[in-house]
Amino acid sequence: MKKEFLEYAKVFKNFYGTTKTPVIENLSKGKNVLFDIDWQGANQIRNQKLNYKLITFFILPPSKEILFERLSNRDMKDKLIVEERMNQFEKDVLHWVDYDYVVVNDNLEKCHAKILSLIEAEINKGIKNYDIEYIKNHIKKLTS
């Protein structure tokens, strides 16, 4: 079964994963593939050393309070999952250093535009508008 998946992980008592075949088929056709996965899956993909450009983004909330609000507003069957995710947050956020870029999702449109501009700069070897000190300070604020 493991060979059928590009990545998989058990997260909060549930298994999540991405099957390999459709991803590789799309990449081989020159299409970009976007993943919405956690740090465990990102590490698995990175460690496979595929022959394709991988650009990773760690997306952060503006604050822990807003994260809690966003999680609480989801259609979750079990509110205990929200508590578990909040308890795990400070450990998960430490994985930001493993990513190419970290983006704060304080506004969906701005976050999307920021990611697109960084992808464009990566592909075209352009200038990246990226402030690592801002990110480090934001991480400190989230974990204090």
N, C-alpha and C. Protein backbone atom coordinates (compact mmCIF):
# COMPACT_ATOMS: atom_id res chain seq x y z
N MET A 1 0.83 -1.19 0.00
CA MET A 1 0.00 0.00 0.00
C MET A 1 0.87 1.25 0.00
N LYS A 2 1.97 1.25 0.76
CA LYS A 2 2.81 2.43 0.88
C LYS A 2 3.30 2.93 -0.48
N LYS A 3 3.58 2.03 -1.41
CA LYS A 3 4.10 2.43 -2.71
C LYS A 3 3.05 3.13 -3.57
N GLU A 4 1.79 3.00 -3.23
CA GLU A 4 0.72 3.67 -3.98
C GLU A 4 0.61 5.14 -3.61
N PHE A 5 1.20 5.52 -2.48
CA PHE A 5 1.07 6.89 -2.00
C PHE A 5 2.38 7.66 -2.14
N LEU A 6 2.26 8.89 -2.59
CA LEU A 6 3.40 9.79 -2.64
C LEU A 6 3.74 10.24 -1.23
N GLU A 7 2.70 10.46 -0.44
CA GLU A 7 2.85 10.83 0.97
C GLU A 7 1.61 10.40 1.71
N TYR A 8 1.79 10.14 3.00
CA TYR A 8 0.63 9.84 3.86
C TYR A 8 1.05 10.04 5.31
N ALA A 9 0.06 10.31 6.14
CA ALA A 9 0.35 10.51 7.56
C ALA A 9 -0.92 10.30 8.36
N LYS A 10 -0.73 9.93 9.60
CA LYS A 10 -1.84 9.85 10.53
C LYS A 10 -1.86 11.17 11.29
N VAL A 11 -2.97 11.88 11.17
CA VAL A 11 -3.12 13.18 11.81
C VAL A 11 -4.41 13.17 12.61
N PHE A 12 -4.29 13.35 13.92
CA PHE A 12 -5.45 13.37 14.80
C PHE A 12 -6.39 12.19 14.56
N LYS A 13 -5.81 10.99 14.62
CA LYS A 13 -6.54 9.72 14.55
C LYS A 13 -7.09 9.38 13.17
N ASN A 14 -6.77 10.17 12.14
CA ASN A 14 -7.21 9.90 10.78
C ASN A 14 -6.00 9.82 9.86
N PHE A 15 -6.08 8.95 8.85
CA PHE A 15 -5.03 8.86 7.85
C PHE A 15 -5.38 9.75 6.68
N TYR A 16 -4.37 10.47 6.18
CA TYR A 16 -4.51 11.31 5.00
C TYR A 16 -3.37 10.95 4.07
N GLY A 17 -3.59 11.09 2.78
CA GLY A 17 -2.52 10.78 1.84
C GLY A 17 -2.84 11.22 0.43
N THR A 18 -1.81 11.14 -0.41
CA THR A 18 -1.92 11.51 -1.82
C THR A 18 -1.43 10.35 -2.66
N THR A 19 -2.29 9.84 -3.54
CA THR A 19 -1.87 8.74 -4.40
C THR A 19 -0.87 9.25 -5.43
N LYS A 20 0.11 8.41 -5.71
CA LYS A 20 1.25 8.79 -6.54
C LYS A 20 0.89 8.93 -8.03
N THR A 21 0.13 8.00 -8.57
CA THR A 21 -0.08 7.95 -10.02
C THR A 21 -0.62 9.24 -10.63
N PRO A 22 -1.73 9.82 -10.14
CA PRO A 22 -2.22 11.04 -10.79
C PRO A 22 -1.25 12.22 -10.67
N VAL A 23 -0.50 12.29 -9.59
CA VAL A 23 0.47 13.37 -9.42
C VAL A 23 1.57 13.25 -10.47
N ILE A 24 2.16 12.08 -10.57
CA ILE A 24 3.26 11.87 -11.52
C ILE A 24 2.76 12.05 -12.95
N GLU A 25 1.56 11.57 -13.25
CA GLU A 25 1.00 11.75 -14.60
C GLU A 25 0.87 13.22 -14.95
N ASN A 26 0.34 14.03 -14.04
CA ASN A 26 0.19 15.46 -14.29
C ASN A 26 1.54 16.16 -14.41
N LEU A 27 2.47 15.83 -13.53
CA LEU A 27 3.80 16.43 -13.61
C LEU A 27 4.48 16.10 -14.93
N SER A 28 4.34 14.85 -15.37
CA SER A 28 5.00 14.43 -16.62
C SER A 28 4.39 15.14 -17.84
N LYS A 29 3.17 15.65 -17.70
CA LYS A 29 2.53 16.42 -18.77
C LYS A 29 2.86 17.91 -18.69
N GLY A 30 3.74 18.27 -17.73
CA GLY A 30 4.14 19.66 -17.58
C GLY A 30 3.18 20.50 -16.75
N LYS A 31 2.26 19.85 -16.07
CA LYS A 31 1.31 20.58 -15.22
C LYS A 31 1.88 20.75 -13.82
N ASN A 32 1.51 21.84 -13.18
CA ASN A 32 1.88 22.03 -11.78
C ASN A 32 0.87 21.31 -10.91
N VAL A 33 1.32 20.85 -9.76
CA VAL A 33 0.46 20.15 -8.81
C VAL A 33 0.57 20.86 -7.47
N LEU A 34 -0.56 21.14 -6.89
CA LEU A 34 -0.62 21.83 -5.60
C LEU A 34 -1.08 20.84 -4.53
N PHE A 35 -0.37 20.82 -3.41
CA PHE A 35 -0.72 19.95 -2.30
C PHE A 35 -1.16 20.80 -1.12
N ASP A 36 -2.15 20.33 -0.40
CA ASP A 36 -2.56 20.93 0.87
C ASP A 36 -2.31 19.87 1.92
N ILE A 37 -1.07 19.84 2.40
CA ILE A 37 -0.64 18.77 3.31
C ILE A 37 0.13 19.36 4.49
N ASP A 38 0.31 18.55 5.51
CA ASP A 38 1.04 19.02 6.69
C ASP A 38 2.54 18.76 6.50
N TRP A 39 3.30 19.08 7.53
CA TRP A 39 4.75 18.98 7.45
C TRP A 39 5.24 17.54 7.25
N GLN A 40 4.47 16.56 7.78
CA GLN A 40 4.88 15.17 7.62
C GLN A 40 4.87 14.76 6.14
N GLY A 41 3.77 15.11 5.46
CA GLY A 41 3.66 14.80 4.03
C GLY A 41 4.67 15.56 3.20
N ALA A 42 4.89 16.82 3.54
CA ALA A 42 5.88 17.63 2.81
C ALA A 42 7.27 17.01 2.93
N ASN A 43 7.62 16.54 4.12
CA ASN A 43 8.92 15.89 4.31
C ASN A 43 9.04 14.63 3.47
N GLN A 44 7.96 13.85 3.41
CA GLN A 44 8.00 12.62 2.62
C GLN A 44 8.22 12.91 1.14
N ILE A 45 7.53 13.93 0.63
CA ILE A 45 7.69 14.28 -0.79
C ILE A 45 9.11 14.81 -1.03
N ARG A 46 9.57 15.67 -0.15
CA ARG A 46 10.92 16.24 -0.29
C ARG A 46 11.97 15.13 -0.29
N ASN A 47 11.81 14.14 0.57
CA ASN A 47 12.80 13.07 0.70
C ASN A 47 12.80 12.10 -0.47
N GLN A 48 11.77 12.13 -1.31
CA GLN A 48 11.73 11.25 -2.47
C GLN A 48 12.61 11.76 -3.60
N LYS A 49 13.03 13.02 -3.52
CA LYS A 49 13.91 13.60 -4.52
C LYS A 49 13.40 13.36 -5.94
N LEU A 50 12.17 13.76 -6.18
CA LEU A 50 11.58 13.63 -7.51
C LEU A 50 12.29 14.57 -8.48
N ASN A 51 12.21 14.28 -9.75
CA ASN A 51 12.86 15.11 -10.76
C ASN A 51 12.00 16.29 -11.18
N TYR A 52 11.35 16.91 -10.23
CA TYR A 52 10.48 18.05 -10.49
C TYR A 52 10.79 19.13 -9.46
N LYS A 53 10.58 20.38 -9.85
CA LYS A 53 10.81 21.51 -8.94
C LYS A 53 9.75 21.47 -7.85
N LEU A 54 10.18 21.54 -6.60
CA LEU A 54 9.28 21.56 -5.46
C LEU A 54 9.47 22.88 -4.74
N ILE A 55 8.38 23.63 -4.59
CA ILE A 55 8.40 24.88 -3.84
C ILE A 55 7.43 24.70 -2.68
N THR A 56 7.93 24.85 -1.47
CA THR A 56 7.10 24.59 -0.29
C THR A 56 6.74 25.88 0.44
N PHE A 57 5.51 25.92 0.92
CA PHE A 57 4.99 27.06 1.66
C PHE A 57 4.39 26.57 2.97
N PHE A 58 4.76 27.22 4.04
CA PHE A 58 4.17 26.96 5.35
C PHE A 58 3.25 28.15 5.60
N ILE A 59 1.98 27.89 5.73
CA ILE A 59 1.00 28.97 5.88
C ILE A 59 0.59 29.08 7.34
N LEU A 60 0.76 30.29 7.86
CA LEU A 60 0.48 30.55 9.27
C LEU A 60 -0.76 31.43 9.44
N PRO A 61 -1.42 31.27 10.57
CA PRO A 61 -2.51 32.20 10.89
C PRO A 61 -1.93 33.50 11.44
N PRO A 62 -2.72 34.58 11.43
CA PRO A 62 -2.23 35.83 12.01
C PRO A 62 -2.05 35.75 13.52
N SER A 63 -2.83 34.90 14.19
CA SER A 63 -2.72 34.74 15.64
C SER A 63 -3.30 33.38 16.04
N LYS A 64 -3.00 32.98 17.27
CA LYS A 64 -3.58 31.73 17.78
C LYS A 64 -5.09 31.88 17.96
N GLU A 65 -5.53 33.08 18.33
CA GLU A 65 -6.96 33.32 18.53
C GLU A 65 -7.72 33.16 17.21
N ILE A 66 -7.15 33.68 16.14
CA ILE A 66 -7.81 33.56 14.84
C ILE A 66 -7.77 32.11 14.36
N LEU A 67 -6.68 31.40 14.63
CA LEU A 67 -6.63 29.98 14.30
C LEU A 67 -7.75 29.23 15.01
N PHE A 68 -7.90 29.47 16.30
CA PHE A 68 -8.96 28.81 17.07
C PHE A 68 -10.33 29.13 16.46
N GLU A 69 -10.55 30.37 16.12
CA GLU A 69 -11.82 30.79 15.53
C GLU A 69 -12.06 30.09 14.19
N ARG A 70 -11.04 30.03 13.36
CA ARG A 70 -11.17 29.37 12.05
C ARG A 70 -11.45 27.88 12.20
N LEU A 71 -10.74 27.24 13.10
CA LEU A 71 -10.97 25.80 13.33
C LEU A 71 -12.36 25.56 13.89
N SER A 72 -12.80 26.42 14.79
CA SER A 72 -14.12 26.27 15.42
C SER A 72 -15.26 26.48 14.43
N ASN A 73 -15.01 27.29 13.41
CA ASN A 73 -16.06 27.56 12.42
C ASN A 73 -16.14 26.51 11.32
N ARG A 74 -15.19 25.58 11.30
CA ARG A 74 -15.26 24.51 10.32
C ARG A 74 -16.36 23.54 10.71
N ASP A 75 -16.81 22.78 9.74
CA ASP A 75 -17.84 21.78 10.00
C ASP A 75 -17.17 20.53 10.57
N MET A 76 -16.78 20.62 11.82
CA MET A 76 -16.09 19.50 12.47
C MET A 76 -17.08 18.71 13.31
N LYS A 77 -17.01 17.40 13.17
CA LYS A 77 -17.91 16.53 13.93
C LYS A 77 -17.54 16.52 15.41
N ASP A 78 -16.27 16.67 15.68
CA ASP A 78 -15.79 16.52 17.04
C ASP A 78 -15.02 17.78 17.45
N LYS A 79 -15.57 18.56 18.35
CA LYS A 79 -14.92 19.80 18.80
C LYS A 79 -13.63 19.52 19.57
N LEU A 80 -13.46 18.27 20.03
CA LEU A 80 -12.21 17.92 20.69
C LEU A 80 -11.03 18.01 19.73
N ILE A 81 -11.29 17.82 18.44
CA ILE A 81 -10.23 17.93 17.44
C ILE A 81 -9.67 19.34 17.42
N VAL A 82 -10.54 20.34 17.60
CA VAL A 82 -10.08 21.72 17.65
C VAL A 82 -9.10 21.88 18.80
N GLU A 83 -9.44 21.37 19.95
CA GLU A 83 -8.55 21.45 21.10
C GLU A 83 -7.23 20.72 20.85
N GLU A 84 -7.31 19.52 20.25
CA GLU A 84 -6.10 18.76 19.94
C GLU A 84 -5.21 19.54 18.99
N ARG A 85 -5.82 20.13 17.96
CA ARG A 85 -5.03 20.89 16.98
C ARG A 85 -4.39 22.10 17.62
N MET A 86 -5.10 22.77 18.50
CA MET A 86 -4.53 23.92 19.19
C MET A 86 -3.37 23.49 20.10
N ASN A 87 -3.54 22.36 20.77
CA ASN A 87 -2.47 21.85 21.64
C ASN A 87 -1.23 21.45 20.84
N GLN A 88 -1.43 20.96 19.63
CA GLN A 88 -0.34 20.52 18.77
C GLN A 88 0.31 21.67 18.00
N PHE A 89 -0.38 22.80 17.94
CA PHE A 89 0.04 23.92 17.10
C PHE A 89 1.48 24.37 17.37
N GLU A 90 1.84 24.55 18.64
CA GLU A 90 3.18 25.06 18.95
C GLU A 90 4.28 24.10 18.50
N LYS A 91 4.01 22.80 18.50
CA LYS A 91 4.99 21.83 17.98
C LYS A 91 5.01 21.88 16.45
N ASP A 92 3.83 21.93 15.85
CA ASP A 92 3.75 21.93 14.38
C ASP A 92 4.41 23.17 13.78
N VAL A 93 4.21 24.31 14.41
CA VAL A 93 4.71 25.57 13.85
C VAL A 93 6.24 25.59 13.80
N LEU A 94 6.90 24.81 14.63
CA LEU A 94 8.35 24.75 14.63
C LEU A 94 8.92 24.17 13.33
N HIS A 95 8.08 23.54 12.55
CA HIS A 95 8.53 22.95 11.28
C HIS A 95 8.63 23.99 10.16
N TRP A 96 8.34 25.23 10.46
CA TRP A 96 8.42 26.29 9.45
C TRP A 96 9.80 26.36 8.82
N VAL A 97 10.83 26.02 9.57
CA VAL A 97 12.20 26.13 9.06
C VAL A 97 12.49 25.15 7.91
N ASP A 98 11.64 24.14 7.75
CA ASP A 98 11.84 23.14 6.70
C ASP A 98 11.26 23.57 5.35
N TYR A 99 10.65 24.73 5.31
CA TYR A 99 9.95 25.19 4.11
C TYR A 99 10.72 26.28 3.39
N ASP A 100 10.48 26.39 2.09
CA ASP A 100 11.11 27.45 1.30
C ASP A 100 10.60 28.82 1.73
N TYR A 101 9.29 28.89 1.96
CA TYR A 101 8.67 30.16 2.32
C TYR A 101 7.62 29.97 3.39
N VAL A 102 7.42 31.01 4.18
CA VAL A 102 6.35 31.04 5.17
C VAL A 102 5.50 32.26 4.84
N VAL A 103 4.18 32.06 4.80
CA VAL A 103 3.25 33.13 4.45
C VAL A 103 2.20 33.20 5.55
N VAL A 104 1.87 34.41 5.97
CA VAL A 104 0.84 34.62 6.98
C VAL A 104 -0.49 34.86 6.27
N ASN A 105 -1.47 34.04 6.59
CA ASN A 105 -2.79 34.16 5.97
C ASN A 105 -3.68 35.06 6.82
N ASP A 106 -3.41 36.37 6.74
CA ASP A 106 -4.25 37.32 7.45
C ASP A 106 -5.40 37.78 6.58
N ASN A 107 -5.27 37.57 5.27
CA ASN A 107 -6.31 37.90 4.30
C ASN A 107 -6.12 36.93 3.14
N LEU A 108 -7.17 36.19 2.79
CA LEU A 108 -7.05 35.13 1.79
C LEU A 108 -6.53 35.63 0.45
N GLU A 109 -7.05 36.75 -0.03
CA GLU A 109 -6.62 37.28 -1.33
C GLU A 109 -5.15 37.70 -1.30
N LYS A 110 -4.74 38.35 -0.21
CA LYS A 110 -3.34 38.78 -0.08
C LYS A 110 -2.41 37.58 0.02
N CYS A 111 -2.83 36.58 0.78
CA CYS A 111 -2.04 35.37 0.95
C CYS A 111 -1.87 34.66 -0.40
N HIS A 112 -2.94 34.54 -1.13
CA HIS A 112 -2.91 33.92 -2.45
C HIS A 112 -1.98 34.69 -3.39
N ALA A 113 -2.11 36.01 -3.40
CA ALA A 113 -1.26 36.85 -4.26
C ALA A 113 0.21 36.71 -3.89
N LYS A 114 0.49 36.64 -2.59
CA LYS A 114 1.87 36.50 -2.11
C LYS A 114 2.47 35.18 -2.59
N ILE A 115 1.70 34.11 -2.46
CA ILE A 115 2.18 32.80 -2.90
C ILE A 115 2.42 32.79 -4.41
N LEU A 116 1.48 33.35 -5.18
CA LEU A 116 1.66 33.41 -6.64
C LEU A 116 2.90 34.21 -7.02
N SER A 117 3.14 35.33 -6.34
CA SER A 117 4.31 36.15 -6.67
C SER A 117 5.61 35.42 -6.34
N LEU A 118 5.62 34.67 -5.24
CA LEU A 118 6.82 33.90 -4.88
C LEU A 118 7.06 32.75 -5.86
N ILE A 119 6.00 32.10 -6.30
CA ILE A 119 6.13 31.03 -7.30
C ILE A 119 6.68 31.62 -8.60
N GLU A 120 6.10 32.72 -9.03
CA GLU A 120 6.55 33.40 -10.25
C GLU A 120 8.04 33.77 -10.14
N ALA A 121 8.44 34.33 -9.01
CA ALA A 121 9.84 34.71 -8.81
C ALA A 121 10.75 33.48 -8.82
N GLU A 122 10.30 32.38 -8.24
CA GLU A 122 11.09 31.14 -8.24
C GLU A 122 11.28 30.61 -9.65
N ILE A 123 10.19 30.57 -10.40
CA ILE A 123 10.24 30.00 -11.75
C ILE A 123 11.08 30.87 -12.68
N ASN A 124 10.90 32.18 -12.58
CA ASN A 124 11.58 33.10 -13.49
C ASN A 124 12.85 33.70 -12.92
N LYS A 125 13.28 33.19 -11.77
CA LYS A 125 14.49 33.68 -11.09
C LYS A 125 14.45 35.19 -10.89
N GLY A 126 13.27 35.65 -10.48
CA GLY A 126 13.06 37.08 -10.26
C GLY A 126 13.31 37.48 -8.82
N ILE A 127 12.98 38.72 -8.53
CA ILE A 127 13.15 39.26 -7.18
C ILE A 127 12.01 38.79 -6.30
N LYS A 128 12.38 38.28 -5.14
CA LYS A 128 11.39 37.77 -4.19
C LYS A 128 11.14 38.81 -3.11
N ASN A 129 9.90 39.18 -2.94
CA ASN A 129 9.51 40.08 -1.86
C ASN A 129 9.21 39.21 -0.64
N TYR A 130 10.27 38.94 0.13
CA TYR A 130 10.14 38.00 1.24
C TYR A 130 10.98 38.50 2.41
N ASP A 131 10.34 38.73 3.54
CA ASP A 131 10.99 39.29 4.72
C ASP A 131 11.09 38.23 5.81
N ILE A 132 12.24 37.58 5.89
CA ILE A 132 12.43 36.49 6.84
C ILE A 132 12.39 36.99 8.29
N GLU A 133 12.83 38.20 8.54
CA GLU A 133 12.78 38.75 9.90
C GLU A 133 11.34 38.92 10.37
N TYR A 134 10.47 39.37 9.47
CA TYR A 134 9.05 39.49 9.80
C TYR A 134 8.50 38.12 10.19
N ILE A 135 8.87 37.11 9.43
CA ILE A 135 8.40 35.74 9.70
C ILE A 135 8.92 35.27 11.06
N LYS A 136 10.19 35.46 11.33
CA LYS A 136 10.76 35.03 12.62
C LYS A 136 10.04 35.71 13.78
N ASN A 137 9.77 37.00 13.64
CA ASN A 137 9.05 37.73 14.70
C ASN A 137 7.63 37.22 14.86
N HIS A 138 6.99 36.90 13.74
CA HIS A 138 5.62 36.37 13.81
C HIS A 138 5.60 35.00 14.50
N ILE A 139 6.57 34.17 14.19
CA ILE A 139 6.68 32.86 14.83
C ILE A 139 6.85 33.04 16.35
N LYS A 140 7.73 33.95 16.74
CA LYS A 140 7.93 34.23 18.18
C LYS A 140 6.62 34.63 18.84
N LYS A 141 5.87 35.49 18.17
CA LYS A 141 4.60 35.95 18.71
C LYS A 141 3.62 34.79 18.85
N LEU A 142 3.59 33.90 17.86
CA LEU A 142 2.67 32.76 17.90
C LEU A 142 3.04 31.72 18.96
N THR A 143 4.30 31.63 19.26
CA THR A 143 4.75 30.57 20.18
C THR A 143 5.04 31.09 21.59
N SER A 144 4.79 32.35 21.85
CA SER A 144 5.05 32.86 23.20
C SER A 144 3.80 32.86 24.05
